N, C-alpha and C. Protein backbone atom coordinates (compact mmCIF):
# COMPACT_ATOMS: atom_id res chain seq x y z
N UNK A 1 -43.45 51.13 -0.43
CA UNK A 1 -42.12 50.60 -0.41
C UNK A 1 -42.07 49.39 -1.33
N UNK A 2 -41.05 49.34 -2.17
CA UNK A 2 -40.88 48.24 -3.11
C UNK A 2 -40.22 47.06 -2.42
N UNK A 3 -40.76 45.86 -2.65
CA UNK A 3 -40.18 44.67 -2.03
C UNK A 3 -39.35 43.91 -3.04
N UNK A 4 -38.26 43.32 -2.55
CA UNK A 4 -37.38 42.51 -3.39
C UNK A 4 -37.81 41.06 -3.26
N UNK A 5 -37.90 40.37 -4.39
CA UNK A 5 -38.27 38.96 -4.36
C UNK A 5 -37.15 38.15 -3.72
N UNK A 6 -37.50 37.22 -2.86
CA UNK A 6 -36.53 36.36 -2.20
C UNK A 6 -36.65 34.96 -2.77
N UNK A 7 -35.53 34.40 -3.15
CA UNK A 7 -35.50 33.03 -3.65
C UNK A 7 -35.33 32.10 -2.48
N UNK A 8 -36.21 31.12 -2.36
CA UNK A 8 -36.12 30.18 -1.24
C UNK A 8 -35.46 28.87 -1.65
N UNK A 9 -35.28 28.68 -2.94
CA UNK A 9 -34.67 27.45 -3.42
C UNK A 9 -33.16 27.52 -3.27
N UNK A 10 -32.57 26.52 -2.62
CA UNK A 10 -31.12 26.51 -2.42
C UNK A 10 -30.40 26.15 -3.71
N UNK A 11 -29.27 26.79 -3.97
CA UNK A 11 -28.46 26.40 -5.13
C UNK A 11 -27.98 24.96 -4.96
N UNK A 12 -27.60 24.33 -6.03
CA UNK A 12 -27.25 22.92 -5.95
C UNK A 12 -25.76 22.65 -5.95
N UNK A 13 -24.92 23.66 -6.18
CA UNK A 13 -23.49 23.39 -6.31
C UNK A 13 -22.68 24.52 -5.69
N UNK A 14 -21.78 24.18 -4.77
CA UNK A 14 -20.87 25.14 -4.17
C UNK A 14 -19.45 24.83 -4.62
N UNK A 15 -18.79 25.83 -5.18
CA UNK A 15 -17.38 25.74 -5.54
C UNK A 15 -16.72 27.01 -5.00
N UNK A 16 -15.71 26.84 -4.15
CA UNK A 16 -15.01 27.99 -3.56
C UNK A 16 -14.53 28.96 -4.62
N UNK A 17 -13.92 28.42 -5.66
CA UNK A 17 -13.31 29.26 -6.68
C UNK A 17 -14.34 30.02 -7.51
N UNK A 18 -15.59 29.62 -7.47
CA UNK A 18 -16.65 30.37 -8.14
C UNK A 18 -17.26 31.40 -7.20
N UNK A 19 -17.60 30.97 -5.99
CA UNK A 19 -18.25 31.89 -5.06
C UNK A 19 -17.33 33.05 -4.67
N UNK A 20 -16.06 32.77 -4.38
CA UNK A 20 -15.16 33.79 -3.86
C UNK A 20 -14.35 34.52 -4.93
N UNK A 21 -14.61 34.29 -6.20
CA UNK A 21 -13.92 35.02 -7.26
C UNK A 21 -14.37 36.48 -7.22
N UNK A 22 -13.42 37.40 -7.17
CA UNK A 22 -13.74 38.82 -7.04
C UNK A 22 -13.80 39.21 -5.58
N UNK A 23 -14.64 40.19 -5.26
CA UNK A 23 -14.72 40.70 -3.88
C UNK A 23 -15.93 40.13 -3.15
N UNK A 24 -15.69 39.78 -1.90
CA UNK A 24 -16.74 39.21 -1.04
C UNK A 24 -16.62 39.85 0.33
N UNK A 25 -17.73 40.04 1.00
CA UNK A 25 -17.72 40.54 2.39
C UNK A 25 -18.46 39.55 3.27
N UNK A 26 -17.88 39.32 4.45
CA UNK A 26 -18.50 38.47 5.45
C UNK A 26 -18.66 39.23 6.74
N UNK A 27 -19.74 38.95 7.45
CA UNK A 27 -19.98 39.54 8.77
C UNK A 27 -20.17 38.38 9.72
N UNK A 28 -19.44 38.42 10.86
CA UNK A 28 -19.49 37.25 11.73
C UNK A 28 -19.33 37.54 13.20
N UNK A 29 -19.47 36.46 13.96
CA UNK A 29 -19.31 36.50 15.40
C UNK A 29 -18.50 35.29 15.85
N UNK A 30 -17.87 35.43 17.01
CA UNK A 30 -17.19 34.32 17.68
C UNK A 30 -17.87 34.13 19.02
N UNK A 31 -18.30 32.89 19.29
CA UNK A 31 -18.89 32.55 20.58
C UNK A 31 -17.99 31.56 21.29
N UNK A 32 -17.90 31.66 22.61
CA UNK A 32 -17.12 30.68 23.35
C UNK A 32 -17.91 29.38 23.46
N UNK A 33 -17.33 28.38 24.11
CA UNK A 33 -17.98 27.06 24.16
C UNK A 33 -19.27 27.06 24.95
N UNK A 34 -19.55 28.13 25.69
CA UNK A 34 -20.78 28.24 26.45
C UNK A 34 -21.84 29.06 25.72
N UNK A 35 -21.51 29.48 24.49
CA UNK A 35 -22.46 30.25 23.68
C UNK A 35 -22.43 31.74 23.95
N UNK A 36 -21.44 32.22 24.71
CA UNK A 36 -21.34 33.65 24.99
C UNK A 36 -20.61 34.35 23.85
N UNK A 37 -21.18 35.46 23.42
CA UNK A 37 -20.58 36.25 22.34
C UNK A 37 -19.25 36.83 22.83
N UNK A 38 -18.17 36.58 22.08
CA UNK A 38 -16.85 37.07 22.45
C UNK A 38 -16.33 38.14 21.51
N UNK A 39 -16.65 38.03 20.20
CA UNK A 39 -16.15 38.99 19.23
C UNK A 39 -17.13 39.14 18.08
N UNK A 40 -17.10 40.32 17.48
CA UNK A 40 -17.81 40.60 16.23
C UNK A 40 -16.76 41.06 15.23
N UNK A 41 -17.00 40.75 13.95
CA UNK A 41 -16.00 41.14 12.95
C UNK A 41 -16.61 41.22 11.56
N UNK A 42 -15.84 41.88 10.69
CA UNK A 42 -16.14 41.96 9.26
C UNK A 42 -14.93 41.38 8.55
N UNK A 43 -15.17 40.59 7.51
CA UNK A 43 -14.10 39.98 6.73
C UNK A 43 -14.27 40.38 5.27
N UNK A 44 -13.28 41.10 4.74
CA UNK A 44 -13.28 41.45 3.32
C UNK A 44 -12.31 40.54 2.60
N UNK A 45 -12.77 39.95 1.49
CA UNK A 45 -11.98 38.96 0.77
C UNK A 45 -11.92 39.30 -0.72
N UNK A 46 -10.78 38.96 -1.30
CA UNK A 46 -10.62 39.08 -2.75
C UNK A 46 -10.07 37.76 -3.26
N UNK A 47 -10.76 37.17 -4.22
CA UNK A 47 -10.33 35.91 -4.81
C UNK A 47 -9.89 36.09 -6.24
N UNK A 48 -8.78 35.43 -6.59
CA UNK A 48 -8.24 35.53 -7.95
C UNK A 48 -7.45 34.27 -8.27
N UNK A 49 -7.24 34.06 -9.53
CA UNK A 49 -6.43 32.93 -9.99
C UNK A 49 -4.99 33.36 -10.21
N UNK A 50 -4.05 32.53 -9.76
CA UNK A 50 -2.63 32.66 -10.09
C UNK A 50 -2.20 31.29 -10.60
N UNK A 51 -2.13 31.19 -11.91
CA UNK A 51 -1.87 29.91 -12.58
C UNK A 51 -2.93 28.90 -12.15
N UNK A 52 -2.55 27.77 -11.55
CA UNK A 52 -3.54 26.75 -11.18
C UNK A 52 -3.96 26.85 -9.71
N UNK A 53 -3.56 27.93 -9.02
CA UNK A 53 -3.95 28.13 -7.63
C UNK A 53 -5.00 29.23 -7.52
N UNK A 54 -6.00 29.00 -6.67
CA UNK A 54 -6.97 30.04 -6.36
C UNK A 54 -6.47 30.74 -5.10
N UNK A 55 -6.22 32.04 -5.20
CA UNK A 55 -5.68 32.83 -4.08
C UNK A 55 -6.82 33.61 -3.45
N UNK A 56 -6.97 33.45 -2.16
CA UNK A 56 -8.03 34.11 -1.41
C UNK A 56 -7.38 34.98 -0.33
N UNK A 57 -7.46 36.28 -0.52
CA UNK A 57 -6.84 37.27 0.36
C UNK A 57 -7.91 37.77 1.34
N UNK A 58 -7.71 37.50 2.64
CA UNK A 58 -8.70 37.83 3.67
C UNK A 58 -8.16 38.91 4.60
N UNK A 59 -9.00 39.91 4.90
CA UNK A 59 -8.69 40.92 5.90
C UNK A 59 -9.83 40.95 6.90
N UNK A 60 -9.50 40.77 8.18
CA UNK A 60 -10.49 40.76 9.25
C UNK A 60 -10.37 42.05 10.05
N UNK A 61 -11.51 42.70 10.31
CA UNK A 61 -11.56 43.88 11.17
C UNK A 61 -12.53 43.56 12.31
N UNK A 62 -12.00 43.54 13.54
CA UNK A 62 -12.80 43.19 14.71
C UNK A 62 -13.36 44.44 15.38
N UNK A 63 -14.48 44.30 16.04
CA UNK A 63 -15.14 45.43 16.70
C UNK A 63 -14.25 46.07 17.76
N UNK A 64 -13.33 45.29 18.34
CA UNK A 64 -12.43 45.83 19.37
C UNK A 64 -11.24 46.56 18.77
N UNK A 65 -11.19 46.70 17.44
CA UNK A 65 -10.12 47.43 16.78
C UNK A 65 -9.00 46.55 16.24
N UNK A 66 -8.95 45.29 16.62
CA UNK A 66 -7.91 44.39 16.13
C UNK A 66 -8.13 44.09 14.65
N UNK A 67 -7.03 43.78 13.97
CA UNK A 67 -7.09 43.42 12.55
C UNK A 67 -6.28 42.16 12.35
N UNK A 68 -6.63 41.41 11.32
CA UNK A 68 -5.90 40.19 10.98
C UNK A 68 -5.91 40.05 9.47
N UNK A 69 -4.90 39.37 8.94
CA UNK A 69 -4.79 39.20 7.50
C UNK A 69 -4.27 37.80 7.21
N UNK A 70 -4.85 37.16 6.20
CA UNK A 70 -4.42 35.81 5.80
C UNK A 70 -4.57 35.69 4.29
N UNK A 71 -3.62 35.02 3.66
CA UNK A 71 -3.71 34.74 2.24
C UNK A 71 -3.69 33.22 2.05
N UNK A 72 -4.80 32.70 1.55
CA UNK A 72 -4.92 31.27 1.25
C UNK A 72 -4.48 31.02 -0.18
N UNK A 73 -3.82 29.91 -0.40
CA UNK A 73 -3.51 29.41 -1.75
C UNK A 73 -4.14 28.03 -1.84
N UNK A 74 -5.20 27.97 -2.63
CA UNK A 74 -6.05 26.77 -2.67
C UNK A 74 -5.94 26.10 -4.04
N UNK A 75 -5.76 24.80 -4.00
CA UNK A 75 -5.71 24.01 -5.24
C UNK A 75 -7.00 23.18 -5.34
N UNK A 76 -7.89 23.56 -6.26
CA UNK A 76 -9.08 22.73 -6.48
C UNK A 76 -8.66 21.41 -7.14
N UNK A 77 -9.25 20.33 -6.71
CA UNK A 77 -8.93 19.02 -7.26
C UNK A 77 -10.16 18.37 -7.85
N UNK A 78 -10.03 17.11 -8.18
CA UNK A 78 -11.15 16.39 -8.78
C UNK A 78 -12.29 16.17 -7.78
N UNK A 79 -13.47 16.03 -8.29
CA UNK A 79 -14.64 15.68 -7.48
C UNK A 79 -14.91 16.64 -6.34
N UNK A 80 -14.61 17.94 -6.52
CA UNK A 80 -14.92 18.93 -5.49
C UNK A 80 -13.97 18.96 -4.32
N UNK A 81 -12.82 18.31 -4.44
CA UNK A 81 -11.83 18.30 -3.34
C UNK A 81 -10.94 19.53 -3.42
N UNK A 82 -10.44 19.94 -2.22
CA UNK A 82 -9.58 21.11 -2.13
C UNK A 82 -8.42 20.84 -1.18
N UNK A 83 -7.28 21.46 -1.49
CA UNK A 83 -6.13 21.51 -0.59
C UNK A 83 -5.68 22.95 -0.54
N UNK A 84 -5.32 23.42 0.67
CA UNK A 84 -4.93 24.82 0.80
C UNK A 84 -3.83 25.04 1.80
N UNK A 85 -3.16 26.19 1.64
CA UNK A 85 -2.08 26.59 2.54
C UNK A 85 -2.20 28.08 2.82
N UNK A 86 -1.77 28.47 4.02
CA UNK A 86 -1.61 29.88 4.40
C UNK A 86 -0.46 29.93 5.40
N UNK A 87 0.13 31.09 5.58
CA UNK A 87 1.31 31.20 6.44
C UNK A 87 1.07 30.72 7.87
N UNK A 88 -0.12 30.95 8.41
CA UNK A 88 -0.39 30.56 9.79
C UNK A 88 -1.15 29.23 9.91
N UNK A 89 -1.25 28.49 8.80
CA UNK A 89 -1.88 27.16 8.82
C UNK A 89 -0.78 26.12 8.97
N UNK A 90 -0.95 25.22 9.93
CA UNK A 90 0.01 24.15 10.17
C UNK A 90 -0.35 23.00 9.23
N UNK A 91 0.56 22.63 8.35
CA UNK A 91 0.30 21.56 7.41
C UNK A 91 -0.59 22.01 6.27
N UNK A 92 -1.45 21.11 5.82
CA UNK A 92 -2.32 21.36 4.67
C UNK A 92 -3.78 21.33 5.10
N UNK A 93 -4.53 22.35 4.66
CA UNK A 93 -5.98 22.34 4.86
C UNK A 93 -6.58 21.46 3.78
N UNK A 94 -7.56 20.66 4.14
CA UNK A 94 -8.21 19.79 3.17
C UNK A 94 -9.72 19.93 3.29
N UNK A 95 -10.38 19.71 2.17
CA UNK A 95 -11.83 19.80 2.18
C UNK A 95 -12.44 19.19 0.95
N UNK A 96 -13.75 19.11 0.97
CA UNK A 96 -14.49 18.59 -0.17
C UNK A 96 -15.88 19.22 -0.20
N UNK A 97 -16.31 19.55 -1.42
CA UNK A 97 -17.65 20.09 -1.63
C UNK A 97 -18.52 19.00 -2.23
N UNK A 98 -19.69 18.84 -1.65
CA UNK A 98 -20.70 17.92 -2.17
C UNK A 98 -22.00 18.71 -2.25
N UNK A 99 -22.48 18.89 -3.46
CA UNK A 99 -23.70 19.67 -3.64
C UNK A 99 -23.49 21.10 -3.18
N UNK A 100 -24.37 21.59 -2.30
CA UNK A 100 -24.31 22.97 -1.83
C UNK A 100 -23.53 23.14 -0.53
N UNK A 101 -22.77 22.11 -0.11
CA UNK A 101 -22.07 22.12 1.17
C UNK A 101 -20.60 21.80 0.99
N UNK A 102 -19.75 22.51 1.76
CA UNK A 102 -18.32 22.24 1.72
C UNK A 102 -17.83 22.01 3.15
N UNK A 103 -17.07 20.96 3.35
CA UNK A 103 -16.41 20.69 4.63
C UNK A 103 -14.93 21.01 4.45
N UNK A 104 -14.35 21.73 5.41
CA UNK A 104 -12.98 22.24 5.27
C UNK A 104 -12.34 22.14 6.64
N UNK A 105 -11.19 21.48 6.75
CA UNK A 105 -10.52 21.32 8.03
C UNK A 105 -9.06 21.72 7.97
N UNK A 106 -8.57 22.30 9.06
CA UNK A 106 -7.18 22.76 9.12
C UNK A 106 -6.81 23.09 10.56
N UNK A 107 -5.51 23.24 10.80
CA UNK A 107 -5.00 23.68 12.09
C UNK A 107 -4.38 25.06 11.90
N UNK A 108 -4.83 26.00 12.69
CA UNK A 108 -4.40 27.39 12.58
C UNK A 108 -3.62 27.78 13.84
N UNK A 109 -2.51 28.45 13.63
CA UNK A 109 -1.70 28.94 14.76
C UNK A 109 -2.23 30.33 15.12
N UNK A 110 -2.93 30.40 16.28
CA UNK A 110 -3.59 31.64 16.69
C UNK A 110 -2.96 32.23 17.94
N UNK A 111 -2.82 33.57 17.97
CA UNK A 111 -2.37 34.21 19.21
C UNK A 111 -3.55 34.33 20.17
N UNK A 112 -3.41 33.74 21.35
CA UNK A 112 -4.46 33.79 22.38
C UNK A 112 -3.78 34.05 23.72
N UNK A 113 -4.17 35.11 24.38
CA UNK A 113 -3.63 35.39 25.71
C UNK A 113 -2.13 35.59 25.72
N UNK A 114 -1.57 36.22 24.70
CA UNK A 114 -0.15 36.50 24.66
C UNK A 114 0.73 35.34 24.20
N UNK A 115 0.13 34.19 23.90
CA UNK A 115 0.88 33.04 23.40
C UNK A 115 0.21 32.53 22.14
N UNK A 116 0.94 31.74 21.36
CA UNK A 116 0.37 31.12 20.15
C UNK A 116 -0.08 29.70 20.47
N UNK A 117 -1.25 29.35 19.95
CA UNK A 117 -1.82 28.02 20.15
C UNK A 117 -2.22 27.43 18.81
N UNK A 118 -2.05 26.12 18.66
CA UNK A 118 -2.52 25.42 17.47
C UNK A 118 -3.97 25.02 17.69
N UNK A 119 -4.86 25.60 16.91
CA UNK A 119 -6.30 25.39 17.06
C UNK A 119 -6.81 24.69 15.80
N UNK A 120 -7.52 23.58 16.00
CA UNK A 120 -8.10 22.86 14.87
C UNK A 120 -9.46 23.47 14.53
N UNK A 121 -9.65 23.74 13.25
CA UNK A 121 -10.91 24.29 12.74
C UNK A 121 -11.63 23.23 11.93
N UNK A 122 -12.90 23.10 12.18
CA UNK A 122 -13.78 22.22 11.42
C UNK A 122 -14.86 23.12 10.83
N UNK A 123 -14.67 23.53 9.58
CA UNK A 123 -15.59 24.45 8.90
C UNK A 123 -16.63 23.70 8.09
N UNK A 124 -17.82 24.24 8.08
CA UNK A 124 -18.89 23.80 7.19
C UNK A 124 -19.45 25.04 6.53
N UNK A 125 -19.46 25.02 5.19
CA UNK A 125 -20.01 26.14 4.42
C UNK A 125 -21.24 25.66 3.68
N UNK A 126 -22.29 26.49 3.73
CA UNK A 126 -23.57 26.14 3.12
C UNK A 126 -23.98 27.25 2.16
N UNK A 127 -24.13 26.92 0.89
CA UNK A 127 -24.60 27.88 -0.10
C UNK A 127 -26.11 27.95 0.01
N UNK A 128 -26.61 29.15 0.35
CA UNK A 128 -28.04 29.34 0.57
C UNK A 128 -28.66 30.12 -0.60
N UNK A 129 -29.92 30.35 -0.48
CA UNK A 129 -30.64 31.11 -1.51
C UNK A 129 -30.14 32.56 -1.53
N UNK A 130 -30.42 33.25 -2.62
CA UNK A 130 -30.09 34.65 -2.80
C UNK A 130 -28.60 34.96 -2.71
N UNK A 131 -27.74 34.00 -3.06
CA UNK A 131 -26.31 34.25 -3.12
C UNK A 131 -25.63 34.40 -1.78
N UNK A 132 -26.20 33.87 -0.73
CA UNK A 132 -25.63 33.95 0.61
C UNK A 132 -24.90 32.65 0.93
N UNK A 133 -23.72 32.76 1.54
CA UNK A 133 -22.95 31.60 1.98
C UNK A 133 -22.81 31.69 3.49
N UNK A 134 -23.25 30.66 4.19
CA UNK A 134 -23.14 30.60 5.64
C UNK A 134 -22.00 29.67 6.01
N UNK A 135 -21.09 30.17 6.86
CA UNK A 135 -19.94 29.40 7.30
C UNK A 135 -20.03 29.23 8.82
N UNK A 136 -19.99 27.98 9.28
CA UNK A 136 -19.93 27.68 10.71
C UNK A 136 -18.64 26.92 10.95
N UNK A 137 -17.82 27.46 11.83
CA UNK A 137 -16.52 26.85 12.11
C UNK A 137 -16.44 26.54 13.60
N UNK A 138 -16.19 25.29 13.90
CA UNK A 138 -15.96 24.89 15.29
C UNK A 138 -14.46 24.87 15.52
N UNK A 139 -14.04 25.38 16.67
CA UNK A 139 -12.63 25.46 17.02
C UNK A 139 -12.34 24.50 18.17
N UNK A 140 -11.25 23.72 18.03
CA UNK A 140 -10.91 22.70 19.02
C UNK A 140 -9.47 22.84 19.48
N UNK A 141 -9.25 22.61 20.77
CA UNK A 141 -7.89 22.50 21.34
C UNK A 141 -7.89 21.26 22.20
N UNK A 142 -6.93 20.38 21.96
CA UNK A 142 -6.83 19.08 22.65
C UNK A 142 -8.12 18.27 22.52
N UNK A 143 -8.80 18.41 21.39
CA UNK A 143 -10.03 17.67 21.14
C UNK A 143 -11.27 18.24 21.80
N UNK A 144 -11.13 19.34 22.51
CA UNK A 144 -12.26 19.98 23.21
C UNK A 144 -12.70 21.21 22.42
N UNK A 145 -14.00 21.31 22.16
CA UNK A 145 -14.53 22.48 21.44
C UNK A 145 -14.40 23.69 22.36
N UNK A 146 -13.67 24.71 21.87
CA UNK A 146 -13.45 25.90 22.68
C UNK A 146 -14.23 27.12 22.19
N UNK A 147 -14.64 27.12 20.93
CA UNK A 147 -15.36 28.27 20.39
C UNK A 147 -16.02 27.88 19.07
N UNK A 148 -16.90 28.78 18.61
CA UNK A 148 -17.55 28.59 17.32
C UNK A 148 -17.67 29.93 16.62
N UNK A 149 -17.39 29.92 15.32
CA UNK A 149 -17.50 31.11 14.49
C UNK A 149 -18.68 30.93 13.55
N UNK A 150 -19.52 31.96 13.46
CA UNK A 150 -20.62 31.97 12.49
C UNK A 150 -20.40 33.19 11.61
N UNK A 151 -20.43 32.96 10.30
CA UNK A 151 -20.05 33.99 9.35
C UNK A 151 -20.96 33.89 8.12
N UNK A 152 -21.52 35.02 7.71
CA UNK A 152 -22.35 35.06 6.51
C UNK A 152 -21.65 35.89 5.45
N UNK A 153 -21.48 35.30 4.25
CA UNK A 153 -20.78 35.95 3.14
C UNK A 153 -21.76 36.34 2.04
N UNK A 154 -21.45 37.48 1.40
CA UNK A 154 -22.17 37.89 0.19
C UNK A 154 -21.15 38.47 -0.78
N UNK A 155 -21.28 38.10 -2.04
CA UNK A 155 -20.39 38.63 -3.08
C UNK A 155 -20.69 40.13 -3.30
N UNK A 156 -19.62 40.90 -3.50
CA UNK A 156 -19.79 42.33 -3.75
C UNK A 156 -19.71 42.64 -5.23
N UNK A 157 -18.81 41.97 -5.93
CA UNK A 157 -18.65 42.23 -7.37
C UNK A 157 -17.88 41.08 -7.98
N UNK A 158 -17.86 41.03 -9.27
CA UNK A 158 -17.09 40.02 -10.02
C UNK A 158 -15.86 40.65 -10.57
């Protein structure tokens, strides 16, 4: 059996508009605040430029059959800063990339238990070796951590 060489050295620079340009697939889980697995999902994304905005089209397919769709419009700024909007995001998402890590925060209007709730997301993205991006998102309601999402992304094509 032929073995593939694995790079252990982490890349030094993460830029959303570079990593997510083209097609990307993510596989993830949602855990509740007690660490219990609640959902599994696959996220297919397509990134493209529209003038000075980076558009990130996300489709989520959950193991329970549910689907979700979101289109981000992200404006890259100076020094690795980002601002973004999506239809179900309350206000403006903001973030900054430093080296191989990006911090991204926003409030998302999510349907939970038949009602909509404003949930604050605190995302951390880490560019790892071999072209893998790990995203950990903590979810908060009223300042209390209610869940955590772990998601691993890999580019499919340019």
